[in-house]
Structure formats: structure tokens, C-alpha cells
């Protein structure tokens, strides 16, 4: 009984896999106009994602660079005696 179910399952998977080869986009039809348009769209989206990631990286680098700068003298409050304000 178990072998019969396993063989039916295996055959159904093989038949479904045969139908998956019918897609021209997945199969790689090189002479189709749709394939060329899909390639352009993929490169455009790749460029858009990389520009966003590059912007995040540049902003992070800018924050890191500005965080390493010393404070101006008027911004330093650690050396000032604040007892007179109590």
C-alpha cells in the first residue's frame, strides 16, 4: 500500500515537472522580445536596489565621519563648573 502511494506521488511529480518546461521565460527563449524586456527590467531593478543600498551606505559613512570629529569649545560642558546653577 505504501509503495503504491509513493509510486503514484513520484509519477505525479514527474508529470508536473514536464509541464514546467513549457514556460518560455523560465526555459530561456533567447530570440523572444519578451525575454529581452525582462532582462532590461531586471537590470533596472538591480540598479535601483544598488542605488538605495549605496545611499544608505553613504549616509552611514557620513554619520560615522561626523561622530569622530571633536566637539567645538562652546559645545563642551564637561569642564564647566555647574555648581553655581544649583
Protein backbone atom coordinates (compact mmCIF):
# COMPACT_ATOMS: atom_id res chain seq x y z
CA UNK A 1 0.00 0.00 0.00
CA UNK A 2 2.77 2.40 0.96
CA UNK A 3 4.80 1.62 -2.17
CA UNK A 4 1.75 2.19 -4.35
CA UNK A 5 1.15 5.66 -2.84
CA UNK A 6 4.84 6.51 -3.17
CA UNK A 7 4.92 5.48 -6.84
CA UNK A 8 1.77 7.49 -7.61
CA UNK A 9 3.27 10.51 -5.89
CA UNK A 10 6.53 10.14 -7.81
CA UNK A 11 4.74 9.83 -11.15
CA UNK A 12 2.60 12.87 -10.46
CA UNK A 13 5.69 14.90 -9.59
CA UNK A 14 7.35 13.81 -12.85
CA UNK A 15 4.30 14.80 -14.90
CA UNK A 16 4.08 18.18 -13.20
CA UNK A 17 7.79 18.78 -13.83
CA UNK A 18 7.24 18.12 -17.54
CA UNK A 19 4.63 20.90 -17.69
CA UNK A 20 7.02 23.37 -16.04
CA UNK A 21 9.33 23.22 -19.07
CA UNK A 22 6.67 24.85 -21.24
CA UNK A 23 7.30 28.39 -19.93
CA UNK A 24 9.35 30.40 -22.47
CA UNK A 25 10.61 32.84 -19.80
CA UNK A 26 11.87 30.12 -17.49
CA UNK A 27 13.11 27.92 -20.29
CA UNK A 28 15.19 30.76 -21.76
CA UNK A 29 13.82 31.60 -25.19
CA UNK A 30 16.75 33.71 -26.44
CA UNK A 31 15.10 35.09 -29.54
CA UNK A 32 11.95 36.40 -27.89
CA UNK A 33 11.30 40.11 -27.40
CA UNK A 34 9.76 39.43 -24.00
CA UNK A 35 13.00 37.87 -22.80
CA UNK A 36 14.93 40.99 -23.79
CA UNK A 37 12.44 43.21 -21.99
CA UNK A 38 12.63 41.06 -18.88
CA UNK A 39 16.44 41.37 -18.94
CA UNK A 40 16.20 45.16 -19.13
CA UNK A 41 13.70 45.20 -16.28
CA UNK A 42 15.96 43.01 -14.13
CA UNK A 43 18.96 45.29 -14.73
CA UNK A 44 16.85 48.38 -13.97
CA UNK A 45 15.63 46.91 -10.69
CA UNK A 46 19.17 45.82 -9.83
CA UNK A 47 20.36 49.41 -10.39
CA UNK A 48 17.52 50.81 -8.28
CA UNK A 49 18.28 48.46 -5.38
CA UNK A 50 22.01 49.19 -5.55
CA UNK A 51 21.42 52.95 -5.57
CA UNK A 52 19.28 52.68 -2.43
CA UNK A 53 21.88 50.49 -0.71
CA UNK A 54 24.61 52.91 -1.81
CA UNK A 55 22.67 55.84 -0.38
CA UNK A 56 22.26 54.07 2.95
CA UNK A 57 25.99 53.29 2.96
CA UNK A 58 26.93 56.91 2.14
CA UNK A 59 24.64 58.21 4.87
CA UNK A 60 26.11 55.76 7.38
CA UNK A 61 29.63 56.79 6.41
CA UNK A 62 28.68 60.45 6.80
CA UNK A 63 27.27 59.84 10.29
CA UNK A 64 30.38 57.83 11.24
CA UNK A 65 32.72 60.56 9.97
CA UNK A 66 30.86 63.33 11.80
CA UNK A 67 30.74 61.32 15.01
CA UNK A 68 34.53 61.15 15.11
CA UNK A 69 35.00 64.95 14.94
CA UNK A 70 35.89 66.66 18.20
CA UNK A 71 33.33 68.91 19.80
CA UNK A 72 33.58 72.67 19.48
CA UNK A 73 34.66 74.51 22.64
CA UNK A 74 31.19 76.02 23.14
CA UNK A 75 29.67 72.52 23.00
CA UNK A 76 31.89 71.02 25.69
CA UNK A 77 30.11 71.16 29.04
CA UNK A 78 32.17 68.59 30.88
CA UNK A 79 34.83 71.03 32.11
CA UNK A 80 32.41 73.75 33.15
CA UNK A 81 31.55 74.11 36.82
CA UNK A 82 27.78 73.93 37.12
CA UNK A 83 27.58 74.35 40.92
CA UNK A 84 26.55 77.99 40.64
CA UNK A 85 23.29 76.92 38.97
CA UNK A 86 22.14 74.74 41.90
